[in-house]
PDB file of N, CA and C in Angstrom:
ATOM      1  N   MET A   1      19.831 -24.942   7.343  1.00  0.00           N
ATOM      2  CA  MET A   1      18.847 -24.162   6.640  1.00  0.00           C
ATOM      3  C   MET A   1      19.444 -22.852   6.123  1.00  0.00           C
ATOM      4  N   LEU A   2      20.293 -22.228   6.892  1.00  0.00           N
ATOM      5  CA  LEU A   2      20.853 -20.941   6.509  1.00  0.00           C
ATOM      6  C   LEU A   2      22.348 -21.098   6.269  1.00  0.00           C
ATOM      7  N   SER A   3      22.772 -20.621   5.130  1.00  0.00           N
ATOM      8  CA  SER A   3      24.192 -20.668   4.808  1.00  0.00           C
ATOM      9  C   SER A   3      24.574 -19.318   4.226  1.00  0.00           C
ATOM     10  N   ILE A   4      25.533 -18.649   4.856  1.00  0.00           N
ATOM     11  CA  ILE A   4      25.946 -17.338   4.367  1.00  0.00           C
ATOM     12  C   ILE A   4      27.464 -17.270   4.315  1.00  0.00           C
ATOM     13  N   GLU A   5      27.947 -16.419   3.444  1.00  0.00           N
ATOM     14  CA  GLU A   5      29.380 -16.164   3.371  1.00  0.00           C
ATOM     15  C   GLU A   5      29.627 -14.758   3.889  1.00  0.00           C
ATOM     16  N   LEU A   6      30.552 -14.656   4.824  1.00  0.00           N
ATOM     17  CA  LEU A   6      30.878 -13.361   5.413  1.00  0.00           C
ATOM     18  C   LEU A   6      32.252 -12.917   4.941  1.00  0.00           C
ATOM     19  N   ASP A   7      32.428 -11.620   4.806  1.00  0.00           N
ATOM     20  CA  ASP A   7      33.770 -11.120   4.500  1.00  0.00           C
ATOM     21  C   ASP A   7      34.607 -11.242   5.777  1.00  0.00           C
ATOM     22  N   LYS A   8      35.917 -11.082   5.628  1.00  0.00           N
ATOM     23  CA  LYS A   8      36.822 -11.296   6.773  1.00  0.00           C
ATOM     24  C   LYS A   8      36.531 -10.368   7.943  1.00  0.00           C
ATOM     25  N   GLU A   9      36.200  -9.121   7.648  1.00  0.00           N
ATOM     26  CA  GLU A   9      35.920  -8.157   8.717  1.00  0.00           C
ATOM     27  C   GLU A   9      34.675  -8.565   9.510  1.00  0.00           C
ATOM     28  N   THR A  10      33.603  -8.909   8.802  1.00  0.00           N
ATOM     29  CA  THR A  10      32.365  -9.307   9.474  1.00  0.00           C
ATOM     30  C   THR A  10      32.561 -10.600  10.258  1.00  0.00           C
ATOM     31  N   GLU A  11      33.329 -11.515   9.694  1.00  0.00           N
ATOM     32  CA  GLU A  11      33.602 -12.771  10.393  1.00  0.00           C
ATOM     33  C   GLU A  11      34.393 -12.510  11.679  1.00  0.00           C
ATOM     34  N   ALA A  12      35.326 -11.564  11.647  1.00  0.00           N
ATOM     35  CA  ALA A  12      36.093 -11.213  12.855  1.00  0.00           C
ATOM     36  C   ALA A  12      35.163 -10.625  13.913  1.00  0.00           C
ATOM     37  N   TYR A  13      34.219  -9.776  13.486  1.00  0.00           N
ATOM     38  CA  TYR A  13      33.241  -9.227  14.426  1.00  0.00           C
ATOM     39  C   TYR A  13      32.429 -10.357  15.064  1.00  0.00           C
ATOM     40  N   LEU A  14      32.006 -11.285  14.233  1.00  0.00           N
ATOM     41  CA  LEU A  14      31.192 -12.410  14.721  1.00  0.00           C
ATOM     42  C   LEU A  14      31.955 -13.226  15.754  1.00  0.00           C
ATOM     43  N   VAL A  15      33.216 -13.539  15.469  1.00  0.00           N
ATOM     44  CA  VAL A  15      34.033 -14.319  16.405  1.00  0.00           C
ATOM     45  C   VAL A  15      34.178 -13.575  17.730  1.00  0.00           C
ATOM     46  N   GLU A  16      34.383 -12.263  17.659  1.00  0.00           N
ATOM     47  CA  GLU A  16      34.519 -11.467  18.885  1.00  0.00           C
ATOM     48  C   GLU A  16      33.212 -11.456  19.686  1.00  0.00           C
ATOM     49  N   ILE A  17      32.105 -11.278  19.005  1.00  0.00           N
ATOM     50  CA  ILE A  17      30.792 -11.274  19.684  1.00  0.00           C
ATOM     51  C   ILE A  17      30.544 -12.617  20.352  1.00  0.00           C
ATOM     52  N   LEU A  18      30.782 -13.704  19.615  1.00  0.00           N
ATOM     53  CA  LEU A  18      30.541 -15.041  20.167  1.00  0.00           C
ATOM     54  C   LEU A  18      31.421 -15.291  21.386  1.00  0.00           C
ATOM     55  N   GLY A  19      32.653 -14.826  21.354  1.00  0.00           N
ATOM     56  CA  GLY A  19      33.557 -15.005  22.491  1.00  0.00           C
ATOM     57  C   GLY A  19      33.111 -14.218  23.711  1.00  0.00           C
ATOM     58  N   LYS A  20      32.699 -12.974  23.497  1.00  0.00           N
ATOM     59  CA  LYS A  20      32.292 -12.139  24.630  1.00  0.00           C
ATOM     60  C   LYS A  20      30.952 -12.562  25.214  1.00  0.00           C
ATOM     61  N   GLU A  21      30.039 -13.007  24.370  1.00  0.00           N
ATOM     62  CA  GLU A  21      28.714 -13.390  24.864  1.00  0.00           C
ATOM     63  C   GLU A  21      28.632 -14.862  25.233  1.00  0.00           C
ATOM     64  N   LYS A  22      29.686 -15.603  24.965  1.00  0.00           N
ATOM     65  CA  LYS A  22      29.735 -17.039  25.274  1.00  0.00           C
ATOM     66  C   LYS A  22      28.475 -17.750  24.782  1.00  0.00           C
ATOM     67  N   THR A  23      28.241 -17.645  23.495  1.00  0.00           N
ATOM     68  CA  THR A  23      27.079 -18.257  22.874  1.00  0.00           C
ATOM     69  C   THR A  23      27.496 -18.887  21.554  1.00  0.00           C
ATOM     70  N   THR A  24      26.584 -19.587  20.924  1.00  0.00           N
ATOM     71  CA  THR A  24      26.865 -20.192  19.622  1.00  0.00           C
ATOM     72  C   THR A  24      26.361 -19.272  18.521  1.00  0.00           C
ATOM     73  N   GLY A  25      26.842 -19.502  17.320  1.00  0.00           N
ATOM     74  CA  GLY A  25      26.383 -18.727  16.177  1.00  0.00           C
ATOM     75  C   GLY A  25      24.891 -18.897  15.949  1.00  0.00           C
ATOM     76  N   ASP A  26      24.398 -20.122  16.129  1.00  0.00           N
ATOM     77  CA  ASP A  26      22.966 -20.388  15.956  1.00  0.00           C
ATOM     78  C   ASP A  26      22.125 -19.567  16.927  1.00  0.00           C
ATOM     79  N   GLU A  27      22.534 -19.568  18.199  1.00  0.00           N
ATOM     80  CA  GLU A  27      21.771 -18.828  19.204  1.00  0.00           C
ATOM     81  C   GLU A  27      21.822 -17.324  18.958  1.00  0.00           C
ATOM     82  N   LEU A  28      22.977 -16.838  18.557  1.00  0.00           N
ATOM     83  CA  LEU A  28      23.116 -15.413  18.275  1.00  0.00           C
ATOM     84  C   LEU A  28      22.211 -15.001  17.111  1.00  0.00           C
ATOM     85  N   ILE A  29      22.210 -15.784  16.043  1.00  0.00           N
ATOM     86  CA  ILE A  29      21.359 -15.473  14.887  1.00  0.00           C
ATOM     87  C   ILE A  29      19.890 -15.509  15.280  1.00  0.00           C
ATOM     88  N   LYS A  30      19.489 -16.514  16.048  1.00  0.00           N
ATOM     89  CA  LYS A  30      18.087 -16.595  16.494  1.00  0.00           C
ATOM     90  C   LYS A  30      17.699 -15.357  17.292  1.00  0.00           C
ATOM     91  N   ARG A  31      18.590 -14.950  18.218  1.00  0.00           N
ATOM     92  CA  ARG A  31      18.306 -13.785  19.055  1.00  0.00           C
ATOM     93  C   ARG A  31      18.236 -12.504  18.217  1.00  0.00           C
ATOM     94  N   LEU A  32      19.149 -12.355  17.281  1.00  0.00           N
ATOM     95  CA  LEU A  32      19.152 -11.168  16.429  1.00  0.00           C
ATOM     96  C   LEU A  32      17.896 -11.093  15.557  1.00  0.00           C
ATOM     97  N   VAL A  33      17.490 -12.233  15.015  1.00  0.00           N
ATOM     98  CA  VAL A  33      16.277 -12.258  14.182  1.00  0.00           C
ATOM     99  C   VAL A  33      15.057 -11.910  15.032  1.00  0.00           C
ATOM    100  N   LYS A  34      14.964 -12.494  16.234  1.00  0.00           N
ATOM    101  CA  LYS A  34      13.818 -12.205  17.093  1.00  0.00           C
ATOM    102  C   LYS A  34      13.800 -10.732  17.506  1.00  0.00           C
ATOM    103  N   ASP A  35      14.950 -10.184  17.890  1.00  0.00           N
ATOM    104  CA  ASP A  35      15.022  -8.765  18.267  1.00  0.00           C
ATOM    105  C   ASP A  35      14.583  -7.870  17.118  1.00  0.00           C
ATOM    106  N   ARG A  36      15.037  -8.198  15.919  1.00  0.00           N
ATOM    107  CA  ARG A  36      14.669  -7.399  14.745  1.00  0.00           C
ATOM    108  C   ARG A  36      13.169  -7.511  14.474  1.00  0.00           C
ATOM    109  N   TRP A  37      12.622  -8.731  14.578  1.00  0.00           N
ATOM    110  CA  TRP A  37      11.188  -8.959  14.360  1.00  0.00           C
ATOM    111  C   TRP A  37      10.368  -8.166  15.374  1.00  0.00           C
ATOM    112  N   LEU A  38      10.769  -8.199  16.640  1.00  0.00           N
ATOM    113  CA  LEU A  38      10.062  -7.458  17.682  1.00  0.00           C
ATOM    114  C   LEU A  38      10.109  -5.955  17.422  1.00  0.00           C
ATOM    115  N   SER A  39      11.232  -5.466  16.905  1.00  0.00           N
ATOM    116  CA  SER A  39      11.347  -4.030  16.640  1.00  0.00           C
ATOM    117  C   SER A  39      10.420  -3.586  15.508  1.00  0.00           C
ATOM    118  N   LEU A  40       9.996  -4.513  14.669  1.00  0.00           N
ATOM    119  CA  LEU A  40       9.109  -4.186  13.554  1.00  0.00           C
ATOM    120  C   LEU A  40       7.626  -4.276  13.923  1.00  0.00           C
ATOM    121  N   GLN A  41       7.333  -4.812  15.098  1.00  0.00           N
ATOM    122  CA  GLN A  41       5.944  -4.956  15.527  1.00  0.00           C
ATOM    123  C   GLN A  41       5.419  -3.622  16.048  1.00  0.00           C
ATOM    124  N   PRO A  42       4.120  -3.358  15.850  1.00  0.00           N
ATOM    125  CA  PRO A  42       3.573  -2.108  16.380  1.00  0.00           C
ATOM    126  C   PRO A  42       3.646  -2.103  17.911  1.00  0.00           C
ATOM    127  N   ARG A  43       3.919  -0.925  18.457  1.00  0.00           N
ATOM    128  CA  ARG A  43       4.016  -0.812  19.914  1.00  0.00           C
ATOM    129  C   ARG A  43       2.628  -0.904  20.545  1.00  0.00           C
ATOM    130  N   GLN A  44       2.565  -1.541  21.699  1.00  0.00           N
ATOM    131  CA  GLN A  44       1.307  -1.640  22.439  1.00  0.00           C
ATOM    132  C   GLN A  44       1.061  -0.340  23.195  1.00  0.00           C
ATOM    133  N   THR A  45      -0.201  -0.019  23.343  1.00  0.00           N
ATOM    134  CA  THR A  45      -0.550   1.135  24.172  1.00  0.00           C
ATOM    135  C   THR A  45      -0.402   0.732  25.635  1.00  0.00           C
ATOM    136  N   ILE A  46      -0.406   1.708  26.524  1.00  0.00           N
ATOM    137  CA  ILE A  46      -0.301   1.414  27.960  1.00  0.00           C
ATOM    138  C   ILE A  46      -1.461   0.539  28.423  1.00  0.00           C
ATOM    139  N   VAL A  47      -2.651   0.799  27.873  1.00  0.00           N
ATOM    140  CA  VAL A  47      -3.822  -0.001  28.254  1.00  0.00           C
ATOM    141  C   VAL A  47      -3.636  -1.449  27.816  1.00  0.00           C
ATOM    142  N   GLU A  48      -3.090  -1.668  26.616  1.00  0.00           N
ATOM    143  CA  GLU A  48      -2.848  -3.036  26.140  1.00  0.00           C
ATOM    144  C   GLU A  48      -1.805  -3.728  27.001  1.00  0.00           C
ATOM    145  N   ARG A  49      -0.748  -3.000  27.398  1.00  0.00           N
ATOM    146  CA  ARG A  49       0.284  -3.607  28.246  1.00  0.00           C
ATOM    147  C   ARG A  49      -0.263  -3.975  29.616  1.00  0.00           C
ATOM    148  N   LEU A  50      -1.269  -3.239  30.085  1.00  0.00           N
ATOM    149  CA  LEU A  50      -1.857  -3.526  31.394  1.00  0.00           C
ATOM    150  C   LEU A  50      -2.991  -4.538  31.312  1.00  0.00           C
ATOM    151  N   GLY A  51      -3.236  -5.077  30.130  1.00  0.00           N
ATOM    152  CA  GLY A  51      -4.244  -6.126  29.994  1.00  0.00           C
ATOM    153  C   GLY A  51      -5.579  -5.652  29.460  1.00  0.00           C
ATOM    154  N   GLY A  52      -5.702  -4.426  29.013  1.00  0.00           N
ATOM    155  CA  GLY A  52      -6.950  -3.936  28.434  1.00  0.00           C
ATOM    156  C   GLY A  52      -7.792  -3.171  29.444  1.00  0.00           C
ATOM    157  N   HIS A  53      -8.884  -2.630  28.941  1.00  0.00           N
ATOM    158  CA  HIS A  53      -9.798  -1.877  29.803  1.00  0.00           C
ATOM    159  C   HIS A  53     -10.549  -2.828  30.726  1.00  0.00           C
ATOM    160  N   PRO A  54     -10.751  -2.443  31.976  1.00  0.00           N
ATOM    161  CA  PRO A  54     -11.570  -3.270  32.866  1.00  0.00           C
ATOM    162  C   PRO A  54     -12.962  -3.432  32.248  1.00  0.00           C
ATOM    163  N   GLU A  55     -13.454  -4.639  32.229  1.00  0.00           N
ATOM    164  CA  GLU A  55     -14.691  -4.936  31.507  1.00  0.00           C
ATOM    165  C   GLU A  55     -15.919  -4.282  32.137  1.00  0.00           C
ATOM    166  N   TYR A  56     -15.992  -4.261  33.447  1.00  0.00           N
ATOM    167  CA  TYR A  56     -17.221  -3.782  34.094  1.00  0.00           C
ATOM    168  C   TYR A  56     -16.972  -2.571  34.999  1.00  0.00           C
ATOM    169  N   LEU A  57     -15.920  -1.816  34.750  1.00  0.00           N
ATOM    170  CA  LEU A  57     -15.521  -0.734  35.646  1.00  0.00           C
ATOM    171  C   LEU A  57     -16.626   0.305  35.849  1.00  0.00           C
ATOM    172  N   LEU A  58     -17.218   0.796  34.786  1.00  0.00           N
ATOM    173  CA  LEU A  58     -18.211   1.863  34.903  1.00  0.00           C
ATOM    174  C   LEU A  58     -19.620   1.381  34.555  1.00  0.00           C
ATOM    175  N   GLU A  59     -19.841   0.103  34.654  1.00  0.00           N
ATOM    176  CA  GLU A  59     -21.137  -0.480  34.275  1.00  0.00           C
ATOM    177  C   GLU A  59     -22.300   0.143  35.045  1.00  0.00           C
ATOM    178  N   ASP A  60     -22.121   0.375  36.348  1.00  0.00           N
ATOM    179  CA  ASP A  60     -23.205   0.899  37.180  1.00  0.00           C
ATOM    180  C   ASP A  60     -23.014   2.373  37.535  1.00  0.00           C
ATOM    181  N   ALA A  61     -22.153   3.064  36.794  1.00  0.00           N
ATOM    182  CA  ALA A  61     -21.881   4.465  37.099  1.00  0.00           C
ATOM    183  C   ALA A  61     -23.090   5.326  36.749  1.00  0.00           C
ATOM    184  N   PRO A  62     -23.368   6.324  37.589  1.00  0.00           N
ATOM    185  CA  PRO A  62     -24.493   7.220  37.291  1.00  0.00           C
ATOM    186  C   PRO A  62     -24.177   8.093  36.067  1.00  0.00           C
ATOM    187  N   PRO A  63     -25.204   8.557  35.385  1.00  0.00           N
ATOM    188  CA  PRO A  63     -24.959   9.419  34.228  1.00  0.00           C
ATOM    189  C   PRO A  63     -24.298  10.730  34.661  1.00  0.00           C
ATOM    190  N   GLY A  64     -23.496  11.295  33.782  1.00  0.00           N
ATOM    191  CA  GLY A  64     -22.848  12.569  34.080  1.00  0.00           C
ATOM    192  C   GLY A  64     -21.602  12.432  34.930  1.00  0.00           C
ATOM    193  N   LEU A  65     -21.124  11.217  35.144  1.00  0.00           N
ATOM    194  CA  LEU A  65     -19.957  11.018  36.008  1.00  0.00           C
ATOM    195  C   LEU A  65     -18.686  11.605  35.395  1.00  0.00           C
ATOM    196  N   SER A  66     -18.704  11.903  34.116  1.00  0.00           N
ATOM    197  CA  SER A  66     -17.507  12.458  33.494  1.00  0.00           C
ATOM    198  C   SER A  66     -17.286  13.917  33.881  1.00  0.00           C
ATOM    199  N   GLU A  67     -18.276  14.570  34.446  1.00  0.00           N
ATOM    200  CA  GLU A  67     -18.102  15.953  34.895  1.00  0.00           C
ATOM    201  C   GLU A  67     -17.433  15.966  36.265  1.00  0.00           C
ATOM    202  N   ARG A  68     -16.504  16.883  36.440  1.00  0.00           N
ATOM    203  CA  ARG A  68     -15.680  16.920  37.646  1.00  0.00           C
ATOM    204  C   ARG A  68     -16.503  17.012  38.932  1.00  0.00           C
ATOM    205  N   ALA A  69     -17.467  17.877  38.966  1.00  0.00           N
ATOM    206  CA  ALA A  69     -18.262  18.045  40.191  1.00  0.00           C
ATOM    207  C   ALA A  69     -18.966  16.734  40.552  1.00  0.00           C
ATOM    208  N   ASN A  70     -19.461  16.031  39.569  1.00  0.00           N
ATOM    209  CA  ASN A  70     -20.142  14.760  39.838  1.00  0.00           C
ATOM    210  C   ASN A  70     -19.162  13.698  40.322  1.00  0.00           C
ATOM    211  N   ARG A  71     -17.957  13.680  39.748  1.00  0.00           N
ATOM    212  CA  ARG A  71     -16.942  12.722  40.198  1.00  0.00           C
ATOM    213  C   ARG A  71     -16.543  13.009  41.640  1.00  0.00           C
ATOM    214  N   LYS A  72     -16.342  14.282  41.975  1.00  0.00           N
ATOM    215  CA  LYS A  72     -15.949  14.631  43.344  1.00  0.00           C
ATOM    216  C   LYS A  72     -17.038  14.195  44.339  1.00  0.00           C
ATOM    217  N   ARG A  73     -18.289  14.412  43.957  1.00  0.00           N
ATOM    218  CA  ARG A  73     -19.406  14.014  44.806  1.00  0.00           C
ATOM    219  C   ARG A  73     -19.442  12.483  44.970  1.00  0.00           C
ATOM    220  N   ALA A  74     -19.153  11.773  43.892  1.00  0.00           N
ATOM    221  CA  ALA A  74     -19.204  10.305  43.913  1.00  0.00           C
ATOM    222  C   ALA A  74     -18.120   9.695  44.807  1.00  0.00           C
ATOM    223  N   ILE A  75     -16.946  10.325  44.883  1.00  0.00           N
ATOM    224  CA  ILE A  75     -15.865   9.745  45.676  1.00  0.00           C
ATOM    225  C   ILE A  75     -15.736  10.366  47.054  1.00  0.00           C
ATOM    226  N   ALA A  76     -16.501  11.384  47.341  1.00  0.00           N
ATOM    227  CA  ALA A  76     -16.418  12.032  48.659  1.00  0.00           C
ATOM    228  C   ALA A  76     -16.867  11.056  49.737  1.00  0.00           C
ATOM    229  N   PRO A  77     -16.199  11.100  50.900  1.00  0.00           N
ATOM    230  CA  PRO A  77     -16.576  10.185  52.005  1.00  0.00           C
ATOM    231  C   PRO A  77     -17.919  10.514  52.606  1.00  0.00           C
TER     232      PRO A  77
END
């Protein structure tokens, strides 16, 4: 599917990379394309990486819980 012509310098780099990584040209190209594609994707937020917001976390929370005094009262033993 892919056919490219490399200059001698680039071809020498490729041979060295393939030798050091002990991989095939096909696998190296696939990995490079995937790495490049991933670098172009928007970064996930921390919440997205952790699986999103808990669905029912504050469902039964009393009103005004966002105020510090109310939160302290809510978690006090």
